[in-house]
Amino acid sequence: MCIRDRTPAVVPAGEEAVVKGLFRQMLADAIKLMLKTAYQSGTVDRESFKVIVRKSVDKLLSAHEAEVQDTKCSIAGFMTEARKDKIRKLVEAYVKVHAVKKQ
């Protein structure tokens, strides 16, 4: 059971895609916030921004797919401070790889 709303943690089959979509959107929004300063400073361009968001979300979803499929609570409880730090490090590594070369 979820601690917050006291509903069963198992998601019915039809709602699984909805939960996964919400989880993907939550991750994308968090990663976009982390990338905002790099984008505004010109370190990454628009295409690199999109690539970094896509790669980061795909990597996180593949690594934590079991958590997403099994619970509704995973969306709210996934972003702990420790996990945010790990995601931030992943995003920073992608920024180093995809940084725009200044002329």
C-alpha atoms as a PDB file:
ATOM      1  CA  MET A   1       0.000   0.000   0.000  1.00  0.00           C
ATOM      2  CA  CYS A   2       1.042   3.545  -0.576  1.00  0.00           C
ATOM      3  CA  ILE A   3       1.734   5.428   2.595  1.00  0.00           C
ATOM      4  CA  ARG A   4       0.399   8.714   1.266  1.00  0.00           C
ATOM      5  CA  ASP A   5      -2.976   7.749  -0.108  1.00  0.00           C
ATOM      6  CA  ARG A   6      -3.617   4.294   1.422  1.00  0.00           C
ATOM      7  CA  THR A   7      -4.505   2.763  -1.932  1.00  0.00           C
ATOM      8  CA  PRO A   8      -3.181  -0.567  -3.191  1.00  0.00           C
ATOM      9  CA  ALA A   9       0.253  -0.193  -4.726  1.00  0.00           C
ATOM     10  CA  VAL A  10      -0.397  -2.591  -7.604  1.00  0.00           C
ATOM     11  CA  VAL A  11      -1.514  -0.820 -10.764  1.00  0.00           C
ATOM     12  CA  PRO A  12      -4.249  -2.389 -12.930  1.00  0.00           C
ATOM     13  CA  ALA A  13      -3.107  -3.451 -16.401  1.00  0.00           C
ATOM     14  CA  GLY A  14      -4.811  -0.569 -18.243  1.00  0.00           C
ATOM     15  CA  GLU A  15      -3.273   2.089 -16.027  1.00  0.00           C
ATOM     16  CA  GLU A  16       0.295   0.825 -16.418  1.00  0.00           C
ATOM     17  CA  ALA A  17       0.906   2.880 -19.564  1.00  0.00           C
ATOM     18  CA  VAL A  18      -0.538   5.970 -17.891  1.00  0.00           C
ATOM     19  CA  VAL A  19       1.718   5.582 -14.866  1.00  0.00           C
ATOM     20  CA  LYS A  20       4.755   5.022 -17.086  1.00  0.00           C
ATOM     21  CA  GLY A  21       3.873   8.138 -19.110  1.00  0.00           C
ATOM     22  CA  LEU A  22       3.495  10.233 -15.965  1.00  0.00           C
ATOM     23  CA  PHE A  23       6.790   8.881 -14.658  1.00  0.00           C
ATOM     24  CA  ARG A  24       8.532   9.712 -17.970  1.00  0.00           C
ATOM     25  CA  GLN A  25       7.125  13.260 -17.894  1.00  0.00           C
ATOM     26  CA  MET A  26       8.199  13.771 -14.263  1.00  0.00           C
ATOM     27  CA  LEU A  27      11.740  12.664 -15.103  1.00  0.00           C
ATOM     28  CA  ALA A  28      11.873  14.853 -18.203  1.00  0.00           C
ATOM     29  CA  ASP A  29      10.727  17.913 -16.233  1.00  0.00           C
ATOM     30  CA  ALA A  30      13.327  17.318 -13.511  1.00  0.00           C
ATOM     31  CA  ILE A  31      16.116  16.874 -16.072  1.00  0.00           C
ATOM     32  CA  LYS A  32      15.042  19.998 -17.966  1.00  0.00           C
ATOM     33  CA  LEU A  33      15.342  22.000 -14.745  1.00  0.00           C
ATOM     34  CA  MET A  34      18.838  20.619 -14.202  1.00  0.00           C
ATOM     35  CA  LEU A  35      19.831  21.524 -17.777  1.00  0.00           C
ATOM     36  CA  LYS A  36      18.340  25.004 -17.725  1.00  0.00           C
ATOM     37  CA  THR A  37      21.502  26.798 -16.559  1.00  0.00           C
ATOM     38  CA  ALA A  38      23.719  24.982 -19.080  1.00  0.00           C
ATOM     39  CA  TYR A  39      21.300  25.901 -21.866  1.00  0.00           C
ATOM     40  CA  GLN A  40      21.008  29.544 -20.820  1.00  0.00           C
ATOM     41  CA  SER A  41      24.774  29.932 -20.557  1.00  0.00           C
ATOM     42  CA  GLY A  42      25.208  28.516 -24.050  1.00  0.00           C
ATOM     43  CA  THR A  43      27.074  25.383 -22.988  1.00  0.00           C
ATOM     44  CA  VAL A  44      24.526  23.225 -24.803  1.00  0.00           C
ATOM     45  CA  ASP A  45      22.441  24.164 -27.810  1.00  0.00           C
ATOM     46  CA  ARG A  46      18.819  23.258 -28.498  1.00  0.00           C
ATOM     47  CA  GLU A  47      19.551  19.946 -30.214  1.00  0.00           C
ATOM     48  CA  SER A  48      21.992  18.866 -27.506  1.00  0.00           C
ATOM     49  CA  PHE A  49      19.398  19.818 -24.876  1.00  0.00           C
ATOM     50  CA  LYS A  50      16.839  17.519 -26.482  1.00  0.00           C
ATOM     51  CA  VAL A  51      19.339  14.680 -26.897  1.00  0.00           C
ATOM     52  CA  ILE A  52      20.469  14.905 -23.266  1.00  0.00           C
ATOM     53  CA  VAL A  53      16.882  14.889 -21.971  1.00  0.00           C
ATOM     54  CA  ARG A  54      15.935  11.934 -24.167  1.00  0.00           C
ATOM     55  CA  LYS A  55      19.031   9.873 -23.309  1.00  0.00           C
ATOM     56  CA  SER A  56      18.744  10.594 -19.592  1.00  0.00           C
ATOM     57  CA  VAL A  57      15.057   9.691 -19.407  1.00  0.00           C
ATOM     58  CA  ASP A  58      15.560   6.513 -21.432  1.00  0.00           C
ATOM     59  CA  LYS A  59      18.490   5.430 -19.266  1.00  0.00           C
ATOM     60  CA  LEU A  60      16.616   6.082 -16.023  1.00  0.00           C
ATOM     61  CA  LEU A  61      13.478   4.317 -17.243  1.00  0.00           C
ATOM     62  CA  SER A  62      15.399   1.244 -18.345  1.00  0.00           C
ATOM     63  CA  ALA A  63      17.266   1.090 -15.032  1.00  0.00           C
ATOM     64  CA  HIS A  64      14.160   1.539 -12.861  1.00  0.00           C
ATOM     65  CA  GLU A  65      11.504  -0.084 -15.015  1.00  0.00           C
ATOM     66  CA  ALA A  66      10.371  -2.550 -12.337  1.00  0.00           C
ATOM     67  CA  GLU A  67       9.704   0.258  -9.858  1.00  0.00           C
ATOM     68  CA  VAL A  68       7.596   2.151 -12.378  1.00  0.00           C
ATOM     69  CA  GLN A  69       5.426  -0.786 -13.413  1.00  0.00           C
ATOM     70  CA  ASP A  70       4.574  -1.992  -9.930  1.00  0.00           C
ATOM     71  CA  THR A  71       3.532   1.072  -7.968  1.00  0.00           C
ATOM     72  CA  LYS A  72       1.666   4.337  -8.183  1.00  0.00           C
ATOM     73  CA  CYS A  73       3.768   5.622  -5.302  1.00  0.00           C
ATOM     74  CA  SER A  74       6.963   5.362  -7.306  1.00  0.00           C
ATOM     75  CA  ILE A  75       6.275   8.665  -9.019  1.00  0.00           C
ATOM     76  CA  ALA A  76       6.078  10.600  -5.764  1.00  0.00           C
ATOM     77  CA  GLY A  77       8.714   8.644  -3.889  1.00  0.00           C
ATOM     78  CA  PHE A  78      11.282   8.214  -6.650  1.00  0.00           C
ATOM     79  CA  MET A  79      12.964  11.624  -6.476  1.00  0.00           C
ATOM     80  CA  THR A  80      14.836  11.414  -3.189  1.00  0.00           C
ATOM     81  CA  GLU A  81      17.744  13.785  -2.569  1.00  0.00           C
ATOM     82  CA  ALA A  82      20.283  11.010  -3.088  1.00  0.00           C
ATOM     83  CA  ARG A  83      18.665  10.037  -6.378  1.00  0.00           C
ATOM     84  CA  LYS A  84      18.512  13.681  -7.502  1.00  0.00           C
ATOM     85  CA  ASP A  85      22.275  13.929  -6.936  1.00  0.00           C
ATOM     86  CA  LYS A  86      22.874  10.813  -9.029  1.00  0.00           C
ATOM     87  CA  ILE A  87      20.648  12.128 -11.809  1.00  0.00           C
ATOM     88  CA  ARG A  88      22.433  15.492 -11.664  1.00  0.00           C
ATOM     89  CA  LYS A  89      25.801  13.723 -12.102  1.00  0.00           C
ATOM     90  CA  LEU A  90      24.420  11.780 -15.077  1.00  0.00           C
ATOM     91  CA  VAL A  91      23.149  14.987 -16.676  1.00  0.00           C
ATOM     92  CA  GLU A  92      26.481  16.759 -16.061  1.00  0.00           C
ATOM     93  CA  ALA A  93      28.320  13.877 -17.737  1.00  0.00           C
ATOM     94  CA  TYR A  94      26.036  14.176 -20.772  1.00  0.00           C
ATOM     95  CA  VAL A  95      26.614  17.953 -20.824  1.00  0.00           C
ATOM     96  CA  LYS A  96      30.383  17.367 -20.983  1.00  0.00           C
ATOM     97  CA  VAL A  97      29.939  14.979 -23.900  1.00  0.00           C
ATOM     98  CA  HIS A  98      27.475  17.154 -25.822  1.00  0.00           C
ATOM     99  CA  ALA A  99      28.892  20.584 -24.980  1.00  0.00           C
ATOM    100  CA  VAL A 100      28.935  23.073 -27.841  1.00  0.00           C
ATOM    101  CA  LYS A 101      32.435  23.893 -28.946  1.00  0.00           C
ATOM    102  CA  LYS A 102      32.947  27.673 -28.789  1.00  0.00           C
ATOM    103  CA  GLN A 103      34.827  29.247 -31.689  1.00  0.00           C
END
